[in-house]
C-alpha atoms as a PDB file:
ATOM      1  CA  MET A   1      62.992  70.404 -24.646  1.00  0.00           C
ATOM      2  CA  ARG A   2      63.054  72.881 -27.514  1.00  0.00           C
ATOM      3  CA  ASP A   3      65.833  74.829 -25.799  1.00  0.00           C
ATOM      4  CA  CYS A   4      67.891  71.627 -25.601  1.00  0.00           C
ATOM      5  CA  VAL A   5      68.015  71.275 -29.388  1.00  0.00           C
ATOM      6  CA  GLU A   6      67.891  74.907 -30.487  1.00  0.00           C
ATOM      7  CA  ASP A   7      70.304  76.558 -28.035  1.00  0.00           C
ATOM      8  CA  LEU A   8      73.551  74.738 -28.651  1.00  0.00           C
ATOM      9  CA  SER A   9      75.795  77.803 -28.501  1.00  0.00           C
ATOM     10  CA  TRP A  10      77.652  76.336 -25.527  1.00  0.00           C
ATOM     11  CA  ILE A  11      78.976  73.537 -27.758  1.00  0.00           C
ATOM     12  CA  SER A  12      81.614  74.384 -30.340  1.00  0.00           C
ATOM     13  CA  ALA A  13      80.501  72.314 -33.337  1.00  0.00           C
ATOM     14  CA  THR A  14      79.235  72.843 -36.848  1.00  0.00           C
ATOM     15  CA  ARG A  15      77.295  69.556 -37.038  1.00  0.00           C
ATOM     16  CA  TYR A  16      74.881  67.871 -34.709  1.00  0.00           C
ATOM     17  CA  HIS A  17      73.546  64.387 -35.354  1.00  0.00           C
ATOM     18  CA  LEU A  18      70.846  63.087 -33.055  1.00  0.00           C
ATOM     19  CA  ILE A  19      70.237  59.364 -33.496  1.00  0.00           C
ATOM     20  CA  ILE A  20      67.221  57.771 -31.851  1.00  0.00           C
ATOM     21  CA  ASP A  21      67.289  53.998 -31.926  1.00  0.00           C
ATOM     22  CA  ASP A  22      63.956  52.176 -31.667  1.00  0.00           C
ATOM     23  CA  ALA A  23      62.194  55.493 -32.384  1.00  0.00           C
ATOM     24  CA  ASP A  24      58.881  53.752 -33.055  1.00  0.00           C
ATOM     25  CA  SER A  25      58.838  52.787 -29.346  1.00  0.00           C
ATOM     26  CA  VAL A  26      59.418  56.298 -27.976  1.00  0.00           C
ATOM     27  CA  LEU A  27      56.630  57.469 -25.625  1.00  0.00           C
ATOM     28  CA  THR A  28      54.132  54.926 -26.952  1.00  0.00           C
ATOM     29  CA  GLY A  29      52.150  55.206 -23.705  1.00  0.00           C
ATOM     30  CA  SER A  30      51.749  58.983 -24.061  1.00  0.00           C
ATOM     31  CA  PRO A  31      50.440  59.837 -27.552  1.00  0.00           C
ATOM     32  CA  GLY A  32      50.240  63.594 -26.886  1.00  0.00           C
ATOM     33  CA  GLU A  33      53.789  63.785 -25.590  1.00  0.00           C
ATOM     34  CA  ARG A  34      54.973  61.521 -28.398  1.00  0.00           C
ATOM     35  CA  GLY A  35      53.562  63.892 -31.012  1.00  0.00           C
ATOM     36  CA  SER A  36      55.067  66.885 -29.218  1.00  0.00           C
ATOM     37  CA  PHE A  37      58.458  65.191 -29.042  1.00  0.00           C
ATOM     38  CA  PHE A  38      58.606  64.516 -32.778  1.00  0.00           C
ATOM     39  CA  ARG A  39      57.238  67.984 -33.616  1.00  0.00           C
ATOM     40  CA  ILE A  40      59.993  69.558 -31.503  1.00  0.00           C
ATOM     41  CA  LEU A  41      62.653  67.529 -33.309  1.00  0.00           C
ATOM     42  CA  SER A  42      61.209  68.514 -36.671  1.00  0.00           C
ATOM     43  CA  GLY A  43      61.030  72.152 -35.603  1.00  0.00           C
ATOM     44  CA  ALA A  44      64.651  72.070 -34.439  1.00  0.00           C
ATOM     45  CA  ALA A  45      65.820  70.745 -37.804  1.00  0.00           C
ATOM     46  CA  GLU A  46      63.847  73.502 -39.550  1.00  0.00           C
ATOM     47  CA  TYR A  47      65.212  76.106 -37.105  1.00  0.00           C
ATOM     48  CA  TRP A  48      68.833  75.187 -37.872  1.00  0.00           C
ATOM     49  CA  GLU A  49      68.137  75.048 -41.612  1.00  0.00           C
ATOM     50  CA  ARG A  50      66.704  78.602 -41.583  1.00  0.00           C
ATOM     51  CA  LYS A  51      69.351  80.055 -39.267  1.00  0.00           C
ATOM     52  CA  PRO A  52      71.357  82.631 -41.220  1.00  0.00           C
ATOM     53  CA  ASP A  53      75.089  82.433 -41.732  1.00  0.00           C
ATOM     54  CA  PHE A  54      77.095  84.790 -39.574  1.00  0.00           C
ATOM     55  CA  PRO A  55      80.580  85.945 -40.601  1.00  0.00           C
ATOM     56  CA  GLU A  56      82.110  84.869 -37.278  1.00  0.00           C
ATOM     57  CA  LYS A  57      80.334  81.473 -37.141  1.00  0.00           C
ATOM     58  CA  ALA A  58      80.114  78.566 -39.530  1.00  0.00           C
ATOM     59  CA  LYS A  59      76.727  77.309 -40.671  1.00  0.00           C
ATOM     60  CA  VAL A  60      75.377  74.644 -38.318  1.00  0.00           C
ATOM     61  CA  THR A  61      73.930  71.369 -39.571  1.00  0.00           C
ATOM     62  CA  PHE A  62      71.382  69.584 -37.372  1.00  0.00           C
ATOM     63  CA  CYS A  63      70.213  66.126 -38.427  1.00  0.00           C
ATOM     64  CA  VAL A  64      67.860  63.702 -36.729  1.00  0.00           C
ATOM     65  CA  LEU A  65      68.006  60.033 -37.643  1.00  0.00           C
ATOM     66  CA  LEU A  66      65.079  57.940 -36.454  1.00  0.00           C
ATOM     67  CA  LEU A  67      65.744  54.212 -36.491  1.00  0.00           C
ATOM     68  CA  CYS A  68      62.900  51.744 -36.154  1.00  0.00           C
ATOM     69  CA  ARG A  69      62.136  48.062 -36.486  1.00  0.00           C
ATOM     70  CA  PRO A  70      61.598  47.066 -40.139  1.00  0.00           C
ATOM     71  CA  GLU A  71      58.114  45.712 -39.413  1.00  0.00           C
ATOM     72  CA  ALA A  72      57.088  49.045 -37.833  1.00  0.00           C
ATOM     73  CA  CYS A  73      58.589  51.304 -40.488  1.00  0.00           C
ATOM     74  CA  ALA A  74      55.540  51.812 -42.741  1.00  0.00           C
ATOM     75  CA  GLU A  75      53.184  52.615 -39.864  1.00  0.00           C
ATOM     76  CA  PHE A  76      55.752  54.867 -38.204  1.00  0.00           C
ATOM     77  CA  ARG A  77      56.233  56.826 -41.447  1.00  0.00           C
ATOM     78  CA  LYS A  78      52.457  57.392 -41.692  1.00  0.00           C
ATOM     79  CA  GLU A  79      52.381  58.627 -38.124  1.00  0.00           C
ATOM     80  CA  LEU A  80      55.257  61.046 -38.698  1.00  0.00           C
ATOM     81  CA  ALA A  81      53.657  62.343 -41.887  1.00  0.00           C
ATOM     82  CA  GLY A  82      50.658  63.421 -39.806  1.00  0.00           C
ATOM     83  CA  ILE A  83      52.768  65.471 -37.393  1.00  0.00           C
END
């Protein structure tokens, strides 16, 4: 999965926005995979933030927006803080 969000050279864009609706429900039956999934997304955002500017390419912005149900928001934030 990491390659899917870190190797985007085949797409000609300077911004990537990944929006995950109902993110608090993602992989709830597989806690290990759930943690890995969110760590990979976090790592991808950090990867693109650290990537140096190259004269022939514009800086790339990579954002992840996690949407969740209002009643699950506080618990979901705690979970993500532990990742």
